[in-house]
Amino acid sequence: MKTYKQFTHDIKVIEQTNEGLLFAVAIERKLKSALTAVHSTNDIAKKIDILMKTLHFSLGSMAYQLQKSRKFKK
């Protein structure tokens, strides 16, 4: 098990963690804005369209991060 000092000195881990956190924040913000947009409209078709686009963005971002982390481990 690494100490905190060893962890912070490992540049690759820090860069990967920071990038992962940025993607997580982007996904969270996208989901919050989609929720606001869904609440503000009464049109069912528009609600479905907003949700589909948001889920596509979120799942695509998660898949990209997963693929990237698998390449990093090899």
Protein backbone atom coordinates (compact mmCIF):
# COMPACT_ATOMS: atom_id res chain seq x y z
CA MET A 1 0.00 0.00 0.00
CA LYS A 2 1.36 3.40 -1.00
CA THR A 3 1.67 6.27 1.40
CA TYR A 4 0.09 9.58 0.51
CA LYS A 5 3.50 11.01 -0.41
CA GLN A 6 4.26 8.12 -2.77
CA PHE A 7 0.85 8.47 -4.36
CA THR A 8 1.25 12.19 -5.01
CA HIS A 9 4.67 11.67 -6.58
CA ASP A 10 3.41 9.15 -9.09
CA ILE A 11 2.69 11.49 -12.00
CA LYS A 12 0.89 8.94 -14.15
CA VAL A 13 -1.61 8.11 -11.43
CA ILE A 14 -2.22 11.78 -10.66
CA GLU A 15 -2.79 12.69 -14.32
CA GLN A 16 -5.14 9.77 -14.83
CA THR A 17 -7.04 10.57 -11.62
CA ASN A 18 -7.38 14.26 -12.51
CA GLU A 19 -8.64 13.45 -15.98
CA GLY A 20 -11.13 10.95 -14.57
CA LEU A 21 -12.38 13.52 -12.08
CA LEU A 22 -12.84 16.09 -14.85
CA PHE A 23 -14.93 13.62 -16.85
CA ALA A 24 -17.00 12.82 -13.76
CA VAL A 25 -17.66 16.51 -13.13
CA ALA A 26 -18.59 17.04 -16.79
CA ILE A 27 -21.02 14.13 -16.67
CA GLU A 28 -22.56 15.37 -13.43
CA ARG A 29 -23.05 18.87 -14.84
CA LYS A 30 -24.55 17.50 -18.05
CA LEU A 31 -27.01 15.39 -16.06
CA LYS A 32 -27.99 18.34 -13.84
CA SER A 33 -28.60 20.59 -16.84
CA ALA A 34 -30.62 17.85 -18.53
CA LEU A 35 -32.77 17.45 -15.44
CA THR A 36 -33.45 21.19 -15.43
CA ALA A 37 -34.31 21.11 -19.13
CA VAL A 38 -36.64 18.14 -18.66
CA HIS A 39 -38.46 19.90 -15.82
CA SER A 40 -38.85 23.09 -17.86
CA THR A 41 -40.66 21.53 -20.82
CA ASN A 42 -44.04 19.86 -21.14
CA ASP A 43 -43.41 18.24 -24.53
CA ILE A 44 -42.84 14.50 -24.07
CA ALA A 45 -40.90 14.15 -27.33
CA LYS A 46 -38.54 16.93 -26.29
CA LYS A 47 -38.05 15.32 -22.86
CA ILE A 48 -37.15 12.00 -24.48
CA ASP A 49 -34.76 13.73 -26.88
CA ILE A 50 -33.00 15.55 -24.02
CA LEU A 51 -32.67 12.33 -22.02
CA MET A 52 -31.35 10.35 -25.01
CA LYS A 53 -28.69 12.95 -25.80
CA THR A 54 -27.65 13.17 -22.16
CA LEU A 55 -27.39 9.42 -21.70
CA HIS A 56 -25.44 9.13 -24.95
CA PHE A 57 -22.94 11.73 -23.72
CA SER A 58 -22.65 10.16 -20.26
CA LEU A 59 -22.27 6.58 -21.43
CA GLY A 60 -19.84 7.61 -24.16
CA SER A 61 -17.68 9.45 -21.66
CA MET A 62 -17.66 6.52 -19.25
CA ALA A 63 -16.82 4.06 -22.02
CA TYR A 64 -13.98 6.29 -23.20
CA GLN A 65 -12.52 6.46 -19.68
CA LEU A 66 -12.84 2.70 -19.23
CA GLN A 67 -11.11 2.01 -22.54
CA LYS A 68 -8.38 4.51 -21.71
CA SER A 69 -7.76 2.98 -18.28
CA ARG A 70 -7.49 -0.50 -19.81
CA LYS A 71 -4.86 0.73 -22.27
CA PHE A 72 -2.98 2.40 -19.41
CA LYS A 73 -2.82 -0.85 -17.39
CA LYS A 74 -1.21 -2.85 -20.23
